[in-house]
Protein backbone atom coordinates (compact mmCIF):
# COMPACT_ATOMS: atom_id res chain seq x y z
CA MET A 1 -7.33 26.45 -35.88
CA GLY A 2 -10.99 25.77 -35.11
CA GLU A 3 -13.17 26.21 -32.04
CA ILE A 4 -11.64 25.91 -28.57
CA LEU A 5 -13.59 23.42 -26.43
CA LYS A 6 -13.77 24.66 -22.84
CA TYR A 7 -14.28 22.43 -19.79
CA ASP A 8 -13.94 22.50 -16.04
CA VAL A 9 -11.87 19.30 -16.07
CA ALA A 10 -10.11 17.49 -18.90
CA ILE A 11 -9.22 13.84 -18.32
CA ILE A 12 -6.64 12.09 -20.50
CA GLY A 13 -7.41 8.38 -20.47
CA GLY A 14 -10.76 6.61 -20.54
CA GLY A 15 -9.80 3.45 -18.64
CA PRO A 16 -11.36 2.53 -15.28
CA GLY A 17 -9.81 5.42 -13.31
CA GLY A 18 -10.53 8.06 -15.94
CA SER A 19 -14.10 6.90 -16.50
CA HIS A 20 -14.79 6.68 -12.77
CA ALA A 21 -13.38 10.15 -12.09
CA ALA A 22 -15.37 11.57 -15.00
CA THR A 23 -18.55 10.10 -13.54
CA LEU A 24 -17.85 11.54 -10.08
CA LEU A 25 -17.05 15.00 -11.48
CA ALA A 26 -20.02 15.02 -13.86
CA GLN A 27 -22.35 13.93 -11.09
CA ALA A 28 -21.01 16.88 -9.06
CA GLY A 29 -22.07 19.23 -11.84
CA LYS A 30 -18.73 19.81 -13.56
CA ARG A 31 -18.20 19.99 -17.32
CA VAL A 32 -15.88 17.07 -18.08
CA ALA A 33 -14.06 15.94 -21.22
CA VAL A 34 -12.54 12.46 -21.45
CA ILE A 35 -9.91 12.06 -24.19
CA GLU A 36 -9.13 8.41 -24.95
CA MET A 37 -6.79 7.44 -27.78
CA GLU A 38 -7.94 3.81 -28.22
CA GLU A 39 -11.20 2.52 -29.63
CA TYR A 40 -13.30 0.28 -27.40
CA PRO A 41 -13.78 -2.57 -26.89
CA ARG A 42 -10.13 -3.57 -26.67
CA PHE A 43 -8.23 -6.37 -24.94
CA HIS A 44 -6.53 -5.41 -21.68
CA ILE A 45 -4.83 -7.06 -18.72
CA GLY A 46 -6.13 -6.63 -15.15
CA GLU A 47 -9.34 -8.66 -15.11
CA SER A 48 -9.87 -9.44 -11.43
CA LEU A 49 -11.49 -6.73 -9.30
CA LEU A 50 -11.05 -6.32 -5.53
CA PRO A 51 -13.83 -6.08 -2.93
CA ALA A 52 -12.59 -2.72 -1.62
CA SER A 53 -13.44 -1.19 -5.02
CA MET A 54 -17.12 -2.04 -4.62
CA PRO A 55 -18.04 0.88 -2.29
CA LEU A 56 -16.46 3.29 -4.80
CA LEU A 57 -18.60 1.90 -7.60
CA LYS A 58 -21.72 1.86 -5.43
CA LYS A 59 -21.21 5.59 -4.81
CA THR A 60 -21.65 6.37 -8.52
CA GLY A 61 -24.29 3.71 -9.15
CA PHE A 62 -22.10 1.68 -11.52
CA TYR A 63 -22.18 -1.27 -9.10
CA ASP A 64 -25.68 -2.03 -10.39
CA VAL A 65 -24.18 -2.68 -13.84
CA LEU A 66 -21.54 -4.98 -12.33
CA ASN A 67 -24.14 -6.84 -10.30
CA SER A 68 -26.64 -7.20 -13.16
CA GLY A 69 -25.63 -10.80 -13.92
CA LYS A 70 -23.23 -9.91 -16.73
CA TYR A 71 -20.11 -10.59 -14.62
CA ILE A 72 -19.22 -13.54 -12.38
CA THR A 73 -18.95 -12.99 -8.62
CA LYS A 74 -15.58 -13.46 -6.92
CA TYR A 75 -15.72 -14.62 -3.28
CA GLY A 76 -12.03 -15.22 -2.64
CA ALA A 77 -8.53 -16.01 -3.88
CA ARG A 78 -6.71 -19.36 -3.90
CA PHE A 79 -2.90 -19.69 -3.95
CA ILE A 80 -1.24 -22.97 -5.01
CA ASP A 81 2.45 -23.80 -4.61
CA TYR A 82 3.24 -25.73 -7.81
CA GLN A 83 6.22 -27.54 -6.24
CA SER A 84 4.15 -29.12 -3.47
CA ASP A 85 0.55 -28.45 -4.59
CA ASP A 86 -0.09 -27.04 -1.10
CA GLN A 87 -2.86 -24.46 -1.09
CA VAL A 88 -4.13 -21.54 0.98
CA TYR A 89 -7.51 -19.90 0.46
CA PHE A 90 -8.68 -16.43 1.45
CA GLY A 91 -12.45 -15.92 1.54
CA PHE A 92 -13.14 -12.20 1.53
CA GLU A 93 -16.00 -12.56 4.01
CA ASP A 94 -13.29 -13.40 6.60
CA GLY A 95 -11.79 -9.90 6.35
CA LEU A 96 -12.12 -6.98 8.75
CA ASN A 97 -14.85 -5.20 6.80
CA PRO A 98 -18.08 -7.22 6.50
CA ASP A 99 -19.37 -4.74 3.91
CA ILE A 100 -16.91 -5.91 1.21
CA PRO A 101 -17.28 -9.73 0.99
CA THR A 102 -17.23 -10.05 -2.80
CA ALA A 103 -15.97 -8.60 -6.08
CA PHE A 104 -16.21 -9.61 -9.75
CA GLU A 105 -14.08 -11.08 -12.55
CA VAL A 106 -14.39 -8.91 -15.66
CA PRO A 107 -13.25 -9.18 -19.29
CA ARG A 108 -11.70 -5.73 -19.55
CA ALA A 109 -12.96 -5.18 -23.09
CA GLU A 110 -16.51 -5.17 -21.72
CA PHE A 111 -15.84 -3.67 -18.28
CA ASP A 112 -13.95 -0.64 -19.61
CA LYS A 113 -16.59 -0.05 -22.30
CA ASP A 114 -19.37 -0.21 -19.70
CA LEU A 115 -17.56 2.22 -17.36
CA LEU A 116 -16.94 4.76 -20.13
CA ALA A 117 -20.56 4.51 -21.30
CA PHE A 118 -21.66 5.12 -17.69
CA ALA A 119 -19.51 8.27 -17.54
CA LYS A 120 -21.11 9.49 -20.77
CA ALA A 121 -24.58 8.83 -19.37
CA ALA A 122 -23.60 10.85 -16.29
CA GLY A 123 -22.86 13.85 -18.50
CA ALA A 124 -19.18 13.60 -19.45
CA ASP A 125 -18.22 14.29 -23.07
CA ILE A 126 -16.17 11.46 -24.60
CA TYR A 127 -13.60 12.10 -27.34
CA GLN A 128 -12.54 8.73 -28.74
CA PRO A 129 -10.36 7.76 -30.48
CA GLU A 130 -8.37 10.95 -30.01
CA LYS A 131 -4.72 11.49 -29.13
CA VAL A 132 -3.22 14.35 -27.13
CA LEU A 133 -0.31 15.90 -29.03
CA GLU A 134 0.54 19.02 -27.04
CA LEU A 135 -0.05 20.12 -23.47
CA ASP A 136 0.55 23.57 -21.96
CA PHE A 137 0.19 24.48 -18.29
CA SER A 138 -0.45 27.89 -16.78
CA VAL A 139 -1.48 29.22 -13.36
CA ASP A 140 -5.04 29.50 -14.70
CA GLY A 141 -5.45 26.08 -16.25
CA VAL A 142 -4.33 23.85 -19.10
CA LYS A 143 -4.46 23.87 -22.90
CA LEU A 144 -4.49 20.68 -24.94
CA GLN A 145 -4.04 20.09 -28.64
CA THR A 146 -5.17 16.70 -29.91
CA ASP A 147 -5.14 15.28 -33.41
CA LYS A 148 -8.74 16.57 -33.77
CA HIS A 149 -9.50 19.41 -31.35
CA ARG A 150 -8.20 22.16 -29.07
CA PHE A 151 -9.23 22.14 -25.42
CA GLU A 152 -8.96 24.48 -22.46
CA ALA A 153 -9.74 23.36 -18.90
CA ASP A 154 -9.36 24.63 -15.36
CA TYR A 155 -7.86 21.34 -14.22
CA LEU A 156 -6.35 18.27 -15.85
CA MET A 157 -6.30 14.63 -14.72
CA ASP A 158 -3.70 12.30 -16.24
CA VAL A 159 -5.11 8.76 -16.08
CA THR A 160 -3.15 7.42 -19.05
CA GLY A 161 -2.07 4.20 -17.35
CA ARG A 162 1.49 3.00 -17.75
CA ASP A 163 1.94 5.43 -20.66
CA SER A 164 2.14 8.05 -17.90
CA PHE A 165 1.76 11.03 -20.24
CA ILE A 166 2.81 13.77 -17.79
CA GLY A 167 5.31 11.58 -15.95
CA LYS A 168 7.23 10.97 -19.16
CA ARG A 169 6.82 14.55 -20.41
CA LEU A 170 8.25 16.01 -17.19
CA LYS A 171 10.79 13.17 -16.80
CA MET A 172 9.34 12.16 -13.42
CA ARG A 173 8.72 8.47 -14.14
CA ASN A 174 11.19 6.14 -12.38
CA VAL A 175 11.21 2.42 -13.21
CA ASN A 176 11.44 -0.09 -10.35
CA ALA A 177 13.98 -2.60 -11.66
CA ASP A 178 13.11 -5.08 -8.87
CA LEU A 179 9.75 -5.79 -10.50
CA ASN A 180 10.72 -5.93 -14.17
CA ASN A 181 8.50 -8.75 -15.37
CA VAL A 182 6.64 -9.87 -18.46
CA ALA A 183 3.08 -11.21 -18.54
CA VAL A 184 2.08 -13.87 -21.08
CA PHE A 185 -1.62 -14.69 -21.33
CA ALA A 186 -4.59 -15.84 -23.39
CA HIS A 187 -8.28 -16.68 -23.05
CA TYR A 188 -9.41 -20.32 -23.03
CA ARG A 189 -12.64 -22.28 -23.29
CA GLY A 190 -13.10 -25.46 -21.25
CA VAL A 191 -10.92 -24.72 -18.20
CA LYS A 192 -12.33 -26.82 -15.35
CA ARG A 193 -13.82 -24.85 -12.47
CA ARG A 194 -14.80 -25.38 -8.87
CA GLU A 195 -18.47 -25.80 -8.17
CA GLY A 196 -20.76 -23.47 -6.29
CA LYS A 197 -19.80 -20.04 -5.03
CA GLN A 198 -16.08 -20.64 -5.62
CA GLU A 199 -16.56 -20.96 -9.39
CA GLY A 200 -15.56 -17.32 -9.92
CA ASP A 201 -12.56 -17.22 -7.57
CA ILE A 202 -9.11 -16.38 -8.91
CA THR A 203 -6.37 -19.04 -8.66
CA VAL A 204 -2.75 -17.88 -8.36
CA GLY A 205 -0.02 -20.50 -8.79
CA LEU A 206 3.53 -20.08 -7.49
CA LEU A 207 6.34 -21.19 -9.80
CA PRO A 208 10.11 -21.31 -9.15
CA ASP A 209 12.26 -18.22 -9.75
CA ALA A 210 9.60 -15.74 -8.53
CA SER A 211 7.26 -16.61 -11.40
CA TRP A 212 3.52 -17.20 -11.05
CA THR A 213 0.34 -17.90 -12.98
CA TRP A 214 -3.25 -16.70 -12.82
CA ILE A 215 -6.53 -18.39 -13.69
CA ILE A 216 -9.49 -15.97 -13.80
CA PRO A 217 -12.93 -17.39 -14.73
CA PHE A 218 -15.46 -15.17 -16.52
CA LYS A 219 -19.22 -15.49 -16.73
CA GLY A 220 -19.89 -18.26 -19.24
CA GLU A 221 -17.25 -20.55 -20.72
CA ILE A 222 -14.20 -18.28 -21.07
CA THR A 223 -11.29 -18.17 -18.60
CA SER A 224 -8.25 -15.89 -18.61
CA VAL A 225 -4.98 -17.74 -18.03
CA GLY A 226 -1.54 -16.17 -17.80
CA VAL A 227 1.96 -16.43 -16.43
CA VAL A 228 4.22 -13.66 -15.07
CA ALA A 229 7.99 -14.14 -15.07
CA SER A 230 11.19 -12.14 -15.05
CA ALA A 231 11.72 -10.20 -18.27
CA LYS A 232 15.39 -11.27 -18.19
CA PHE A 233 14.92 -14.21 -20.54
CA ALA A 234 17.96 -15.62 -22.30
CA GLY A 235 17.69 -15.18 -26.04
CA ALA A 236 14.27 -14.94 -27.68
CA PRO A 237 12.06 -17.57 -26.01
CA ASP A 238 8.78 -18.90 -27.38
CA LEU A 239 6.56 -17.17 -24.81
CA GLN A 240 3.42 -19.02 -25.86
CA LYS A 241 5.17 -22.35 -25.27
CA TYR A 242 6.48 -20.97 -21.97
CA LEU A 243 2.88 -20.30 -20.91
CA ARG A 244 1.77 -23.84 -21.80
CA ASP A 245 4.76 -25.46 -20.11
CA SER A 246 4.34 -23.39 -16.96
CA LEU A 247 0.73 -24.48 -16.54
CA LEU A 248 1.75 -28.15 -16.67
CA LYS A 249 4.09 -27.85 -13.66
CA SER A 250 1.23 -28.37 -11.20
CA ALA A 251 -0.87 -31.50 -11.11
CA VAL A 252 -3.83 -29.45 -9.89
CA VAL A 253 -3.59 -26.86 -12.64
CA SER A 254 -2.72 -29.42 -15.30
CA GLU A 255 -6.02 -31.17 -14.52
CA MET A 256 -7.89 -27.83 -14.68
CA MET A 257 -6.39 -27.19 -18.14
CA SER A 258 -6.73 -30.75 -19.50
CA ASP A 259 -9.69 -29.93 -21.78
CA ALA A 260 -8.87 -26.26 -22.39
CA VAL A 261 -8.78 -24.76 -25.89
CA GLN A 262 -7.28 -21.34 -26.58
CA VAL A 263 -9.74 -18.71 -27.85
CA GLY A 264 -8.46 -15.71 -29.76
CA ASN A 265 -4.95 -14.33 -29.79
CA PHE A 266 -2.05 -14.92 -27.43
CA HIS A 267 -0.74 -11.74 -25.71
CA SER A 268 2.41 -10.62 -23.91
CA VAL A 269 3.08 -7.33 -22.17
CA GLY A 270 6.02 -5.93 -20.22
CA ASN A 271 5.20 -5.23 -16.58
CA TYR A 272 7.40 -2.22 -15.88
CA SER A 273 6.77 -1.24 -12.29
CA HIS A 274 7.28 2.49 -11.84
CA THR A 275 6.54 5.50 -9.65
CA CYS A 276 6.46 9.19 -10.53
CA THR A 277 8.42 11.54 -8.29
CA GLN A 278 5.38 13.82 -7.95
CA PHE A 279 1.68 13.24 -8.56
CA TYR A 280 0.44 16.83 -8.96
CA GLY A 281 1.15 20.38 -10.12
CA ASP A 282 -0.69 23.71 -10.08
CA ARG A 283 -3.52 22.56 -12.32
CA TRP A 284 -2.87 18.86 -12.92
CA ILE A 285 -2.97 15.62 -11.01
CA CYS A 286 -1.97 12.03 -11.93
CA SER A 287 -3.86 8.96 -10.77
CA GLY A 288 -3.83 5.22 -11.33
CA ASP A 289 -0.90 3.68 -13.19
CA ALA A 290 0.00 7.15 -14.51
CA ALA A 291 1.20 7.92 -10.97
CA VAL A 292 2.36 4.53 -9.69
CA PHE A 293 2.23 1.00 -11.10
CA LEU A 294 3.15 -1.91 -8.83
CA ASP A 295 2.70 -5.50 -10.01
CA PRO A 296 -0.36 -7.53 -11.07
CA VAL A 297 0.05 -10.38 -8.56
CA PHE A 298 -2.67 -9.16 -6.15
CA SER A 299 -4.86 -7.49 -8.79
CA SER A 300 -4.13 -4.09 -7.29
CA GLY A 301 -4.02 -2.14 -10.57
CA VAL A 302 -7.71 -1.40 -11.18
CA HIS A 303 -8.33 -0.88 -7.46
CA MET A 304 -5.46 1.61 -7.12
CA SER A 305 -6.73 3.38 -10.24
CA LEU A 306 -10.32 3.61 -8.99
CA SER A 307 -9.21 4.63 -5.49
CA SER A 308 -6.62 7.22 -6.48
CA SER A 309 -8.95 8.67 -9.12
CA THR A 310 -11.64 9.01 -6.46
CA PHE A 311 -9.21 10.85 -4.18
CA ALA A 312 -8.00 13.03 -7.07
CA ALA A 313 -11.55 13.97 -8.12
CA GLU A 314 -12.33 14.91 -4.52
CA LYS A 315 -9.29 17.22 -4.40
CA ILE A 316 -10.22 18.86 -7.71
CA LEU A 317 -13.75 19.50 -6.45
CA ALA A 318 -12.32 21.01 -3.27
CA ALA A 319 -10.02 23.23 -5.35
CA PHE A 320 -12.85 24.70 -7.44
CA ASP A 321 -13.90 26.99 -4.60
CA GLY A 322 -11.57 29.86 -5.47
CA LYS A 323 -9.88 27.94 -8.30
CA ARG A 324 -7.06 27.04 -5.94
CA SER A 325 -3.70 25.60 -6.95
CA LEU A 326 -3.44 21.85 -6.39
CA THR A 327 -0.03 22.49 -4.81
CA GLU A 328 -1.73 23.77 -1.64
CA GLU A 329 -0.99 21.49 1.30
CA ASP A 330 -4.50 20.06 1.79
CA LEU A 331 -4.87 19.24 -1.91
CA GLY A 332 -2.04 17.72 -4.00
CA PRO A 333 0.39 16.95 -1.15
CA ALA A 334 -2.35 15.33 0.96
CA TYR A 335 -3.55 13.36 -2.05
CA GLU A 336 -0.07 12.10 -2.91
CA ALA A 337 0.64 11.07 0.69
CA LYS A 338 -2.58 9.05 0.82
CA VAL A 339 -1.94 7.29 -2.49
CA ARG A 340 1.67 6.49 -1.54
CA LEU A 341 0.49 5.05 1.79
CA GLY A 342 -1.85 2.57 0.10
CA ALA A 343 0.64 1.77 -2.66
CA GLY A 344 3.36 1.17 -0.07
CA ARG A 345 1.21 -1.34 1.80
CA PHE A 346 0.41 -3.15 -1.43
CA LYS A 347 4.10 -3.18 -2.34
CA ASN A 348 5.03 -4.71 1.04
CA LEU A 349 2.48 -7.46 0.40
CA ILE A 350 3.90 -7.99 -3.09
CA MET A 351 7.47 -8.23 -1.81
CA LEU A 352 6.34 -10.79 0.79
CA PHE A 353 4.97 -12.86 -2.10
CA TYR A 354 8.21 -12.63 -4.09
CA GLU A 355 10.35 -13.63 -1.11
CA GLY A 356 9.18 -17.19 -1.74
CA LYS A 357 7.30 -19.91 0.18
CA PHE A 358 4.22 -17.66 0.27
CA VAL A 359 1.72 -20.51 0.67
CA ALA A 360 3.68 -22.11 3.53
CA LYS A 361 4.07 -18.76 5.29
CA MET A 362 0.39 -17.91 4.94
CA ASN A 363 -0.76 -21.33 6.18
CA LYS A 364 1.24 -20.76 9.37
CA MET A 365 0.04 -17.19 9.87
CA VAL A 366 -3.67 -17.54 9.13
CA ASN A 367 -4.15 -20.03 11.97
CA ARG A 368 -4.45 -16.91 14.13
CA GLU A 369 -7.75 -15.11 13.54
CA PHE A 370 -6.34 -11.59 13.69
CA MET A 371 -3.71 -12.51 11.09
CA LEU A 372 -6.32 -14.17 8.85
CA LYS A 373 -8.49 -11.06 9.02
CA GLY A 374 -5.53 -8.76 8.43
CA PHE A 375 -4.16 -10.55 5.38
CA THR A 376 -7.63 -11.16 3.93
CA SER A 377 -8.43 -7.46 4.22
CA ALA A 378 -5.14 -6.47 2.59
CA LEU A 379 -5.74 -8.90 -0.28
CA ALA A 380 -9.24 -7.44 -0.63
CA GLY A 381 -7.65 -4.04 -1.26
CA ASP A 382 -8.66 -2.49 2.06
CA VAL A 383 -5.24 -0.83 2.35
CA TRP A 384 -6.41 2.41 3.99
CA ASN A 385 -8.05 0.58 6.91
CA GLU A 386 -6.12 1.76 9.98
CA ASN A 387 -7.80 -0.91 12.13
CA ASN A 388 -5.70 -3.59 10.44
CA TYR A 389 -3.15 -5.03 12.87
CA LEU A 390 -0.71 -5.63 10.00
CA PHE A 391 -0.62 -1.91 9.26
CA GLN A 392 -0.52 -0.84 12.90
CA LYS A 393 2.52 -3.02 13.61
CA LYS A 394 4.21 -2.25 10.25
CA VAL A 395 4.04 -5.91 9.17
CA LEU A 396 2.76 -4.54 5.83
């Protein structure tokens, strides 16, 4: 059967959350294996980072890679109502936390590759491409059989994204039918941009029937453009045509796209919002989309993955003293409660968006400074900030 590879922590999934957790654990002196089934670089959705992720990446040192000039800086988010072309803009420097005024727009093929390389440089062992076939739990740890190796580890992190390896295996993954959407997107050259510091800001456009579009500029000439709509299409629609037609419904966006030329392939992906009934067991813990996936409208996916993986790594490190079970109250249960709190606040913001007339509602609310600061902070991903009036009064 071959040699058994032994580690302190095995991480399934080498995306942002898995790579970040591996870096944190390796920097803390733990022996870490990251098992990732896909080869990098690879195309992926979720290209707009949030300011509240920046302190997490500064903690490991990866922020220096982000801020090296390779990625474009994001100062805010603009929302356009396509029926009226009314707009509302949130500049992140107007939020509650002055330490998180910016983020970055990132082609995920490069960002994910950089993060995984950073984890390797920190001391984590990377097994890629490699697929987990079997998984066995015990009170002492976990055993994994992949298509290439056998592993044993004291603790396991499942950061497999929406594949939710453990969630599906233990039948704990529940789909949220209210947010059953499909995303249709491609990269373009020649999309017109705003000048100055707003060049790298994301633009979100509101369409009828709870549909919306994104425009995410990257460093250089390439821009990511996509549309998200209900997956309940009649028949078999031409999704690429649907993307083009949707972008022409706004005079503002139509002008931005007037000289645009598609680069590379067109993509579509089902956006199946889901939550697992439990995020932990004796020797395992789920983070990122493997635990809960919401909706891409406020770019919460990477931030929730980085945040929850940070919290999960902290709990694993705390458990190593005595090799404690993650089911103890201050470990898994406390972790899950914290992740659900942040996810719940994001979900409330998402549902406010899908109720309709988001731009009109925001333009009324943000005339008051405390509301502007509150919503800006929430959109920046600062969802565990208890000083936010919107959280204190259960508005979000």
